PDB file of all heavy atoms in Angstrom:
ATOM      1  N   GLN A   1     -14.065  47.751 -18.909  1.00  0.00           N
ATOM      2  CA  GLN A   1     -14.545  46.879 -17.833  1.00  0.00           C
ATOM      3  C   GLN A   1     -13.662  47.014 -16.600  1.00  0.00           C
ATOM      4  O   GLN A   1     -14.089  46.701 -15.498  1.00  0.00           O
ATOM      5  CB  GLN A   1     -14.588  45.416 -18.279  1.00  0.00           C
ATOM      6  CG  GLN A   1     -15.726  45.091 -19.190  1.00  0.00           C
ATOM      7  CD  GLN A   1     -17.081  45.019 -18.499  1.00  0.00           C
ATOM      8  OE1 GLN A   1     -17.300  45.559 -17.425  1.00  0.00           O
ATOM      9  NE2 GLN A   1     -18.008  44.352 -19.147  1.00  0.00           N
ATOM     10  N   ALA A   2     -12.428  47.454 -16.756  1.00  0.00           N
ATOM     11  CA  ALA A   2     -11.560  47.726 -15.605  1.00  0.00           C
ATOM     12  C   ALA A   2     -11.788  49.138 -15.069  1.00  0.00           C
ATOM     13  O   ALA A   2     -11.783  49.352 -13.853  1.00  0.00           O
ATOM     14  CB  ALA A   2     -10.091  47.545 -16.000  1.00  0.00           C
ATOM     15  N   LEU A   3     -11.997  50.098 -15.971  1.00  0.00           N
ATOM     16  CA  LEU A   3     -12.170  51.494 -15.564  1.00  0.00           C
ATOM     17  C   LEU A   3     -13.481  51.718 -14.803  1.00  0.00           C
ATOM     18  O   LEU A   3     -13.493  52.391 -13.769  1.00  0.00           O
ATOM     19  CB  LEU A   3     -12.125  52.405 -16.794  1.00  0.00           C
ATOM     20  CG  LEU A   3     -12.394  53.886 -16.541  1.00  0.00           C
ATOM     21  CD1 LEU A   3     -11.293  54.498 -15.686  1.00  0.00           C
ATOM     22  CD2 LEU A   3     -12.518  54.629 -17.871  1.00  0.00           C
ATOM     23  N   MET A   4     -14.563  51.165 -15.299  1.00  0.00           N
ATOM     24  CA  MET A   4     -15.876  51.454 -14.706  1.00  0.00           C
ATOM     25  C   MET A   4     -16.016  50.966 -13.259  1.00  0.00           C
ATOM     26  O   MET A   4     -16.546  51.709 -12.426  1.00  0.00           O
ATOM     27  CB  MET A   4     -16.991  50.907 -15.585  1.00  0.00           C
ATOM     28  CG  MET A   4     -17.066  51.604 -16.943  1.00  0.00           C
ATOM     29  SD  MET A   4     -17.392  53.363 -16.812  1.00  0.00           S
ATOM     30  CE  MET A   4     -19.093  53.381 -17.282  1.00  0.00           C
ATOM     31  N   PRO A   5     -15.552  49.765 -12.899  1.00  0.00           N
ATOM     32  CA  PRO A   5     -15.648  49.394 -11.477  1.00  0.00           C
ATOM     33  C   PRO A   5     -14.783  50.282 -10.584  1.00  0.00           C
ATOM     34  O   PRO A   5     -15.123  50.529  -9.435  1.00  0.00           O
ATOM     35  CB  PRO A   5     -15.160  47.944 -11.416  1.00  0.00           C
ATOM     36  CG  PRO A   5     -15.034  47.478 -12.789  1.00  0.00           C
ATOM     37  CD  PRO A   5     -15.078  48.660 -13.701  1.00  0.00           C
ATOM     38  N   PHE A   6     -13.686  50.780 -11.128  1.00  0.00           N
ATOM     39  CA  PHE A   6     -12.844  51.691 -10.356  1.00  0.00           C
ATOM     40  C   PHE A   6     -13.595  52.984 -10.065  1.00  0.00           C
ATOM     41  O   PHE A   6     -13.585  53.484  -8.929  1.00  0.00           O
ATOM     42  CB  PHE A   6     -11.535  51.971 -11.094  1.00  0.00           C
ATOM     43  CG  PHE A   6     -10.611  52.865 -10.328  1.00  0.00           C
ATOM     44  CD1 PHE A   6     -10.007  52.420  -9.162  1.00  0.00           C
ATOM     45  CD2 PHE A   6     -10.349  54.146 -10.766  1.00  0.00           C
ATOM     46  CE1 PHE A   6      -9.155  53.241  -8.436  1.00  0.00           C
ATOM     47  CE2 PHE A   6      -9.503  54.983 -10.052  1.00  0.00           C
ATOM     48  CZ  PHE A   6      -8.904  54.536  -8.886  1.00  0.00           C
ATOM     49  N   VAL A   7     -14.262  53.523 -11.080  1.00  0.00           N
ATOM     50  CA  VAL A   7     -15.061  54.735 -10.889  1.00  0.00           C
ATOM     51  C   VAL A   7     -16.180  54.466  -9.877  1.00  0.00           C
ATOM     52  O   VAL A   7     -16.422  55.264  -8.968  1.00  0.00           O
ATOM     53  CB  VAL A   7     -15.635  55.245 -12.233  1.00  0.00           C
ATOM     54  CG1 VAL A   7     -16.634  56.363 -12.022  1.00  0.00           C
ATOM     55  CG2 VAL A   7     -14.509  55.691 -13.153  1.00  0.00           C
ATOM     56  N   GLY A   8     -16.854  53.311 -10.028  1.00  0.00           N
ATOM     57  CA  GLY A   8     -17.904  52.937  -9.081  1.00  0.00           C
ATOM     58  C   GLY A   8     -17.369  52.780  -7.669  1.00  0.00           C
ATOM     59  O   GLY A   8     -18.005  53.197  -6.697  1.00  0.00           O
ATOM     60  N   TYR A   9     -16.191  52.217  -7.547  1.00  0.00           N
ATOM     61  CA  TYR A   9     -15.547  52.041  -6.239  1.00  0.00           C
ATOM     62  C   TYR A   9     -15.283  53.397  -5.594  1.00  0.00           C
ATOM     63  O   TYR A   9     -15.544  53.586  -4.403  1.00  0.00           O
ATOM     64  CB  TYR A   9     -14.244  51.260  -6.420  1.00  0.00           C
ATOM     65  CG  TYR A   9     -13.492  51.013  -5.137  1.00  0.00           C
ATOM     66  CD1 TYR A   9     -13.796  49.921  -4.342  1.00  0.00           C
ATOM     67  CD2 TYR A   9     -12.473  51.861  -4.728  1.00  0.00           C
ATOM     68  CE1 TYR A   9     -13.105  49.685  -3.162  1.00  0.00           C
ATOM     69  CE2 TYR A   9     -11.776  51.633  -3.562  1.00  0.00           C
ATOM     70  CZ  TYR A   9     -12.095  50.540  -2.778  1.00  0.00           C
ATOM     71  OH  TYR A   9     -11.410  50.317  -1.618  1.00  0.00           O
ATOM     72  N   LEU A  10     -14.764  54.333  -6.389  1.00  0.00           N
ATOM     73  CA  LEU A  10     -14.506  55.668  -5.850  1.00  0.00           C
ATOM     74  C   LEU A  10     -15.796  56.336  -5.382  1.00  0.00           C
ATOM     75  O   LEU A  10     -15.825  56.958  -4.317  1.00  0.00           O
ATOM     76  CB  LEU A  10     -13.805  56.548  -6.896  1.00  0.00           C
ATOM     77  CG  LEU A  10     -12.385  56.137  -7.262  1.00  0.00           C
ATOM     78  CD1 LEU A  10     -11.841  57.038  -8.382  1.00  0.00           C
ATOM     79  CD2 LEU A  10     -11.461  56.163  -6.060  1.00  0.00           C
ATOM     80  N   LEU A  11     -16.852  56.194  -6.175  1.00  0.00           N
ATOM     81  CA  LEU A  11     -18.151  56.753  -5.775  1.00  0.00           C
ATOM     82  C   LEU A  11     -18.689  56.063  -4.519  1.00  0.00           C
ATOM     83  O   LEU A  11     -19.152  56.719  -3.594  1.00  0.00           O
ATOM     84  CB  LEU A  11     -19.161  56.614  -6.916  1.00  0.00           C
ATOM     85  CG  LEU A  11     -18.913  57.458  -8.153  1.00  0.00           C
ATOM     86  CD1 LEU A  11     -19.869  57.063  -9.269  1.00  0.00           C
ATOM     87  CD2 LEU A  11     -19.048  58.931  -7.822  1.00  0.00           C
ATOM     88  N   GLY A  12     -18.638  54.741  -4.508  1.00  0.00           N
ATOM     89  CA  GLY A  12     -19.145  53.983  -3.370  1.00  0.00           C
ATOM     90  C   GLY A  12     -18.373  54.240  -2.094  1.00  0.00           C
ATOM     91  O   GLY A  12     -18.945  54.238  -0.995  1.00  0.00           O
ATOM     92  N   SER A  13     -17.081  54.480  -2.218  1.00  0.00           N
ATOM     93  CA  SER A  13     -16.249  54.748  -1.038  1.00  0.00           C
ATOM     94  C   SER A  13     -16.681  56.021  -0.323  1.00  0.00           C
ATOM     95  O   SER A  13     -16.518  56.150   0.889  1.00  0.00           O
ATOM     96  CB  SER A  13     -14.777  54.872  -1.448  1.00  0.00           C
ATOM     97  OG  SER A  13     -14.310  53.648  -1.933  1.00  0.00           O
ATOM     98  N   GLN A  14     -17.234  56.958  -1.062  1.00  0.00           N
ATOM     99  CA  GLN A  14     -17.694  58.214  -0.472  1.00  0.00           C
ATOM    100  C   GLN A  14     -18.887  58.006   0.459  1.00  0.00           C
ATOM    101  O   GLN A  14     -19.106  58.782   1.372  1.00  0.00           O
ATOM    102  CB  GLN A  14     -18.083  59.207  -1.576  1.00  0.00           C
ATOM    103  CG  GLN A  14     -16.967  59.536  -2.533  1.00  0.00           C
ATOM    104  CD  GLN A  14     -15.772  60.158  -1.838  1.00  0.00           C
ATOM    105  OE1 GLN A  14     -15.905  61.050  -1.008  1.00  0.00           O
ATOM    106  NE2 GLN A  14     -14.586  59.671  -2.161  1.00  0.00           N
ATOM    107  N   PHE A  15     -19.665  56.964   0.202  1.00  0.00           N
ATOM    108  CA  PHE A  15     -20.899  56.729   0.958  1.00  0.00           C
ATOM    109  C   PHE A  15     -20.828  55.491   1.854  1.00  0.00           C
ATOM    110  O   PHE A  15     -21.793  55.177   2.530  1.00  0.00           O
ATOM    111  CB  PHE A  15     -22.077  56.567  -0.007  1.00  0.00           C
ATOM    112  CG  PHE A  15     -22.215  57.713  -0.944  1.00  0.00           C
ATOM    113  CD1 PHE A  15     -21.839  57.590  -2.275  1.00  0.00           C
ATOM    114  CD2 PHE A  15     -22.703  58.938  -0.508  1.00  0.00           C
ATOM    115  CE1 PHE A  15     -21.952  58.650  -3.149  1.00  0.00           C
ATOM    116  CE2 PHE A  15     -22.820  60.003  -1.374  1.00  0.00           C
ATOM    117  CZ  PHE A  15     -22.447  59.861  -2.698  1.00  0.00           C
ATOM    118  N   GLN A  16     -19.708  54.813   1.853  1.00  0.00           N
ATOM    119  CA  GLN A  16     -19.581  53.539   2.558  1.00  0.00           C
ATOM    120  C   GLN A  16     -19.941  53.636   4.035  1.00  0.00           C
ATOM    121  O   GLN A  16     -20.725  52.842   4.542  1.00  0.00           O
ATOM    122  CB  GLN A  16     -18.162  53.000   2.396  1.00  0.00           C
ATOM    123  CG  GLN A  16     -17.934  51.704   3.127  1.00  0.00           C
ATOM    124  CD  GLN A  16     -16.470  51.294   3.083  1.00  0.00           C
ATOM    125  OE1 GLN A  16     -15.629  52.008   2.557  1.00  0.00           O
ATOM    126  NE2 GLN A  16     -16.187  50.148   3.641  1.00  0.00           N
ATOM    127  N   SER A  17     -19.402  54.594   4.737  1.00  0.00           N
ATOM    128  CA  SER A  17     -19.636  54.671   6.187  1.00  0.00           C
ATOM    129  C   SER A  17     -21.090  54.984   6.514  1.00  0.00           C
ATOM    130  O   SER A  17     -21.599  54.567   7.547  1.00  0.00           O
ATOM    131  CB  SER A  17     -18.713  55.714   6.813  1.00  0.00           C
ATOM    132  OG  SER A  17     -18.981  56.990   6.260  1.00  0.00           O
ATOM    133  N   ALA A  18     -21.756  55.692   5.614  1.00  0.00           N
ATOM    134  CA  ALA A  18     -23.146  56.086   5.875  1.00  0.00           C
ATOM    135  C   ALA A  18     -24.127  54.923   5.718  1.00  0.00           C
ATOM    136  O   ALA A  18     -25.198  54.935   6.328  1.00  0.00           O
ATOM    137  CB  ALA A  18     -23.546  57.223   4.944  1.00  0.00           C
ATOM    138  N   ILE A  19     -23.774  53.918   4.940  1.00  0.00           N
ATOM    139  CA  ILE A  19     -24.747  52.845   4.666  1.00  0.00           C
ATOM    140  C   ILE A  19     -24.186  51.442   4.904  1.00  0.00           C
ATOM    141  O   ILE A  19     -24.680  50.473   4.326  1.00  0.00           O
ATOM    142  CB  ILE A  19     -25.300  52.967   3.233  1.00  0.00           C
ATOM    143  CG1 ILE A  19     -24.189  53.027   2.229  1.00  0.00           C
ATOM    144  CG2 ILE A  19     -26.205  54.144   3.084  1.00  0.00           C
ATOM    145  CD1 ILE A  19     -24.673  53.093   0.802  1.00  0.00           C
ATOM    146  N   THR A  20     -23.222  51.315   5.786  1.00  0.00           N
ATOM    147  CA  THR A  20     -22.627  50.019   6.072  1.00  0.00           C
ATOM    148  C   THR A  20     -23.666  48.999   6.537  1.00  0.00           C
ATOM    149  O   THR A  20     -23.565  47.822   6.202  1.00  0.00           O
ATOM    150  CB  THR A  20     -21.520  50.162   7.138  1.00  0.00           C
ATOM    151  OG1 THR A  20     -20.542  51.072   6.639  1.00  0.00           O
ATOM    152  CG2 THR A  20     -20.881  48.839   7.458  1.00  0.00           C
ATOM    153  N   ALA A  21     -24.667  49.420   7.261  1.00  0.00           N
ATOM    154  CA  ALA A  21     -25.674  48.491   7.792  1.00  0.00           C
ATOM    155  C   ALA A  21     -26.507  47.829   6.703  1.00  0.00           C
ATOM    156  O   ALA A  21     -27.052  46.747   6.909  1.00  0.00           O
ATOM    157  CB  ALA A  21     -26.591  49.225   8.774  1.00  0.00           C
ATOM    158  N   VAL A  22     -26.611  48.459   5.539  1.00  0.00           N
ATOM    159  CA  VAL A  22     -27.443  47.899   4.464  1.00  0.00           C
ATOM    160  C   VAL A  22     -26.647  47.604   3.195  1.00  0.00           C
ATOM    161  O   VAL A  22     -27.234  47.359   2.142  1.00  0.00           O
ATOM    162  CB  VAL A  22     -28.630  48.841   4.128  1.00  0.00           C
ATOM    163  CG1 VAL A  22     -29.597  48.929   5.294  1.00  0.00           C
ATOM    164  CG2 VAL A  22     -28.133  50.205   3.706  1.00  0.00           C
ATOM    165  N   ASP A  23     -25.312  47.585   3.292  1.00  0.00           N
ATOM    166  CA  ASP A  23     -24.507  47.404   2.094  1.00  0.00           C
ATOM    167  C   ASP A  23     -24.770  46.078   1.380  1.00  0.00           C
ATOM    168  O   ASP A  23     -24.761  46.007   0.159  1.00  0.00           O
ATOM    169  CB  ASP A  23     -23.016  47.572   2.402  1.00  0.00           C
ATOM    170  CG  ASP A  23     -22.506  46.573   3.428  1.00  0.00           C
ATOM    171  OD1 ASP A  23     -23.297  45.763   3.958  1.00  0.00           O
ATOM    172  OD2 ASP A  23     -21.305  46.630   3.722  1.00  0.00           O
ATOM    173  N   HIS A  24     -25.050  45.024   2.139  1.00  0.00           N
ATOM    174  CA  HIS A  24     -25.325  43.722   1.527  1.00  0.00           C
ATOM    175  C   HIS A  24     -26.629  43.751   0.728  1.00  0.00           C
ATOM    176  O   HIS A  24     -26.750  43.104  -0.307  1.00  0.00           O
ATOM    177  CB  HIS A  24     -25.335  42.612   2.577  1.00  0.00           C
ATOM    178  CG  HIS A  24     -26.208  42.901   3.747  1.00  0.00           C
ATOM    179  ND1 HIS A  24     -25.833  43.760   4.755  1.00  0.00           N
ATOM    180  CD2 HIS A  24     -27.445  42.458   4.060  1.00  0.00           C
ATOM    181  CE1 HIS A  24     -26.805  43.829   5.647  1.00  0.00           C
ATOM    182  NE2 HIS A  24     -27.795  43.059   5.254  1.00  0.00           N
ATOM    183  N   TRP A  25     -27.598  44.515   1.192  1.00  0.00           N
ATOM    184  CA  TRP A  25     -28.858  44.662   0.450  1.00  0.00           C
ATOM    185  C   TRP A  25     -28.622  45.447  -0.836  1.00  0.00           C
ATOM    186  O   TRP A  25     -29.187  45.123  -1.882  1.00  0.00           O
ATOM    187  CB  TRP A  25     -29.921  45.372   1.312  1.00  0.00           C
ATOM    188  CG  TRP A  25     -30.525  44.449   2.321  1.00  0.00           C
ATOM    189  CD1 TRP A  25     -30.244  44.390   3.658  1.00  0.00           C
ATOM    190  CD2 TRP A  25     -31.508  43.436   2.071  1.00  0.00           C
ATOM    191  NE1 TRP A  25     -30.984  43.412   4.252  1.00  0.00           N
ATOM    192  CE2 TRP A  25     -31.776  42.806   3.299  1.00  0.00           C
ATOM    193  CE3 TRP A  25     -32.180  42.996   0.932  1.00  0.00           C
ATOM    194  CZ2 TRP A  25     -32.688  41.766   3.422  1.00  0.00           C
ATOM    195  CZ3 TRP A  25     -33.086  41.965   1.058  1.00  0.00           C
ATOM    196  CH2 TRP A  25     -33.328  41.353   2.280  1.00  0.00           C
ATOM    197  N   ILE A  26     -27.783  46.471  -0.758  1.00  0.00           N
ATOM    198  CA  ILE A  26     -27.471  47.260  -1.949  1.00  0.00           C
ATOM    199  C   ILE A  26     -26.764  46.389  -2.979  1.00  0.00           C
ATOM    200  O   ILE A  26     -27.107  46.408  -4.168  1.00  0.00           O
ATOM    201  CB  ILE A  26     -26.629  48.506  -1.580  1.00  0.00           C
ATOM    202  CG1 ILE A  26     -27.468  49.473  -0.749  1.00  0.00           C
ATOM    203  CG2 ILE A  26     -26.082  49.185  -2.837  1.00  0.00           C
ATOM    204  CD1 ILE A  26     -26.681  50.608  -0.134  1.00  0.00           C
ATOM    205  N   ALA A  27     -25.787  45.598  -2.534  1.00  0.00           N
ATOM    206  CA  ALA A  27     -25.080  44.693  -3.446  1.00  0.00           C
ATOM    207  C   ALA A  27     -26.052  43.709  -4.081  1.00  0.00           C
ATOM    208  O   ALA A  27     -26.023  43.472  -5.293  1.00  0.00           O
ATOM    209  CB  ALA A  27     -23.975  43.951  -2.694  1.00  0.00           C
ATOM    210  N   PHE A  28     -26.928  43.132  -3.264  1.00  0.00           N
ATOM    211  CA  PHE A  28     -27.924  42.177  -3.761  1.00  0.00           C
ATOM    212  C   PHE A  28     -28.841  42.826  -4.804  1.00  0.00           C
ATOM    213  O   PHE A  28     -29.077  42.271  -5.888  1.00  0.00           O
ATOM    214  CB  PHE A  28     -28.747  41.626  -2.592  1.00  0.00           C
ATOM    215  CG  PHE A  28     -29.934  40.812  -3.002  1.00  0.00           C
ATOM    216  CD1 PHE A  28     -29.773  39.568  -3.579  1.00  0.00           C
ATOM    217  CD2 PHE A  28     -31.215  41.297  -2.812  1.00  0.00           C
ATOM    218  CE1 PHE A  28     -30.874  38.808  -3.965  1.00  0.00           C
ATOM    219  CE2 PHE A  28     -32.319  40.549  -3.188  1.00  0.00           C
ATOM    220  CZ  PHE A  28     -32.149  39.298  -3.759  1.00  0.00           C
ATOM    221  N   ILE A  29     -29.337  44.012  -4.498  1.00  0.00           N
ATOM    222  CA  ILE A  29     -30.264  44.697  -5.412  1.00  0.00           C
ATOM    223  C   ILE A  29     -29.562  45.089  -6.711  1.00  0.00           C
ATOM    224  O   ILE A  29     -30.088  44.855  -7.806  1.00  0.00           O
ATOM    225  CB  ILE A  29     -30.909  45.915  -4.719  1.00  0.00           C
ATOM    226  CG1 ILE A  29     -31.881  45.422  -3.627  1.00  0.00           C
ATOM    227  CG2 ILE A  29     -31.625  46.813  -5.718  1.00  0.00           C
ATOM    228  CD1 ILE A  29     -32.355  46.512  -2.678  1.00  0.00           C
ATOM    229  N   LEU A  30     -28.368  45.685  -6.608  1.00  0.00           N
ATOM    230  CA  LEU A  30     -27.656  46.103  -7.817  1.00  0.00           C
ATOM    231  C   LEU A  30     -27.308  44.903  -8.701  1.00  0.00           C
ATOM    232  O   LEU A  30     -27.549  44.926  -9.913  1.00  0.00           O
ATOM    233  CB  LEU A  30     -26.384  46.879  -7.461  1.00  0.00           C
ATOM    234  CG  LEU A  30     -26.573  48.287  -6.920  1.00  0.00           C
ATOM    235  CD1 LEU A  30     -25.239  48.879  -6.488  1.00  0.00           C
ATOM    236  CD2 LEU A  30     -27.231  49.178  -7.959  1.00  0.00           C
ATOM    237  N   LEU A  31     -26.742  43.855  -8.120  1.00  0.00           N
ATOM    238  CA  LEU A  31     -26.396  42.671  -8.918  1.00  0.00           C
ATOM    239  C   LEU A  31     -27.652  42.005  -9.476  1.00  0.00           C
ATOM    240  O   LEU A  31     -27.651  41.512 -10.613  1.00  0.00           O
ATOM    241  CB  LEU A  31     -25.570  41.680  -8.087  1.00  0.00           C
ATOM    242  CG  LEU A  31     -24.163  42.138  -7.739  1.00  0.00           C
ATOM    243  CD1 LEU A  31     -23.504  41.169  -6.768  1.00  0.00           C
ATOM    244  CD2 LEU A  31     -23.314  42.313  -8.986  1.00  0.00           C
ATOM    245  N   GLY A  32     -28.729  42.014  -8.697  1.00  0.00           N
ATOM    246  CA  GLY A  32     -29.993  41.450  -9.172  1.00  0.00           C
ATOM    247  C   GLY A  32     -30.557  42.204 -10.359  1.00  0.00           C
ATOM    248  O   GLY A  32     -30.988  41.611 -11.354  1.00  0.00           O
ATOM    249  N   ILE A  33     -30.534  43.522 -10.281  1.00  0.00           N
ATOM    250  CA  ILE A  33     -31.042  44.348 -11.390  1.00  0.00           C
ATOM    251  C   ILE A  33     -30.207  44.132 -12.649  1.00  0.00           C
ATOM    252  O   ILE A  33     -30.739  43.960 -13.748  1.00  0.00           O
ATOM    253  CB  ILE A  33     -31.078  45.835 -10.989  1.00  0.00           C
ATOM    254  CG1 ILE A  33     -32.182  46.077  -9.957  1.00  0.00           C
ATOM    255  CG2 ILE A  33     -31.279  46.735 -12.215  1.00  0.00           C
ATOM    256  CD1 ILE A  33     -32.135  47.457  -9.320  1.00  0.00           C
ATOM    257  N   ILE A  34     -28.893  44.141 -12.480  1.00  0.00           N
ATOM    258  CA  ILE A  34     -28.014  43.914 -13.631  1.00  0.00           C
ATOM    259  C   ILE A  34     -28.283  42.539 -14.235  1.00  0.00           C
ATOM    260  O   ILE A  34     -28.410  42.387 -15.456  1.00  0.00           O
ATOM    261  CB  ILE A  34     -26.532  44.040 -13.214  1.00  0.00           C
ATOM    262  CG1 ILE A  34     -26.214  45.462 -12.780  1.00  0.00           C
ATOM    263  CG2 ILE A  34     -25.610  43.618 -14.361  1.00  0.00           C
ATOM    264  CD1 ILE A  34     -24.910  45.590 -12.038  1.00  0.00           C
ATOM    265  N   GLY A  35     -28.380  41.529 -13.378  1.00  0.00           N
ATOM    266  CA  GLY A  35     -28.630  40.169 -13.850  1.00  0.00           C
ATOM    267  C   GLY A  35     -29.962  40.036 -14.566  1.00  0.00           C
ATOM    268  O   GLY A  35     -30.055  39.408 -15.636  1.00  0.00           O
ATOM    269  N   ILE A  36     -31.002  40.619 -14.001  1.00  0.00           N
ATOM    270  CA  ILE A  36     -32.331  40.560 -14.628  1.00  0.00           C
ATOM    271  C   ILE A  36     -32.315  41.258 -15.985  1.00  0.00           C
ATOM    272  O   ILE A  36     -32.890  40.757 -16.962  1.00  0.00           O
ATOM    273  CB  ILE A  36     -33.398  41.166 -13.688  1.00  0.00           C
ATOM    274  CG1 ILE A  36     -33.636  40.215 -12.512  1.00  0.00           C
ATOM    275  CG2 ILE A  36     -34.705  41.437 -14.433  1.00  0.00           C
ATOM    276  CD1 ILE A  36     -34.438  40.812 -11.371  1.00  0.00           C
ATOM    277  N   ASN A  37     -31.630  42.406 -16.069  1.00  0.00           N
ATOM    278  CA  ASN A  37     -31.532  43.095 -17.362  1.00  0.00           C
ATOM    279  C   ASN A  37     -30.804  42.246 -18.394  1.00  0.00           C
ATOM    280  O   ASN A  37     -31.196  42.207 -19.560  1.00  0.00           O
ATOM    281  CB  ASN A  37     -30.843  44.453 -17.210  1.00  0.00           C
ATOM    282  CG  ASN A  37     -31.765  45.496 -16.628  1.00  0.00           C
ATOM    283  OD1 ASN A  37     -32.976  45.410 -16.752  1.00  0.00           O
ATOM    284  ND2 ASN A  37     -31.187  46.483 -15.981  1.00  0.00           N
ATOM    285  N   MET A  38     -29.751  41.562 -17.973  1.00  0.00           N
ATOM    286  CA  MET A  38     -29.026  40.705 -18.905  1.00  0.00           C
ATOM    287  C   MET A  38     -29.903  39.548 -19.375  1.00  0.00           C
ATOM    288  O   MET A  38     -29.890  39.189 -20.552  1.00  0.00           O
ATOM    289  CB  MET A  38     -27.733  40.193 -18.275  1.00  0.00           C
ATOM    290  CG  MET A  38     -26.664  41.254 -18.153  1.00  0.00           C
ATOM    291  SD  MET A  38     -25.153  40.652 -17.377  1.00  0.00           S
ATOM    292  CE  MET A  38     -24.472  39.673 -18.706  1.00  0.00           C
ATOM    293  N   ILE A  39     -30.664  38.965 -18.448  1.00  0.00           N
ATOM    294  CA  ILE A  39     -31.563  37.870 -18.828  1.00  0.00           C
ATOM    295  C   ILE A  39     -32.626  38.379 -19.788  1.00  0.00           C
ATOM    296  O   ILE A  39     -32.930  37.729 -20.801  1.00  0.00           O
ATOM    297  CB  ILE A  39     -32.182  37.226 -17.574  1.00  0.00           C
ATOM    298  CG1 ILE A  39     -31.099  36.477 -16.780  1.00  0.00           C
ATOM    299  CG2 ILE A  39     -33.329  36.286 -17.961  1.00  0.00           C
ATOM    300  CD1 ILE A  39     -31.530  36.020 -15.408  1.00  0.00           C
TER     301      ILE A  39
END
């Protein structure tokens, strides 16, 4: 659980500047999908 967010952070950092305008939507969608799957 500590390793995987670090890997995700490294991946996300590569694309951060390209999608800064929609990053909040990406966070919302990803957390929403994860949450819905858990439910």
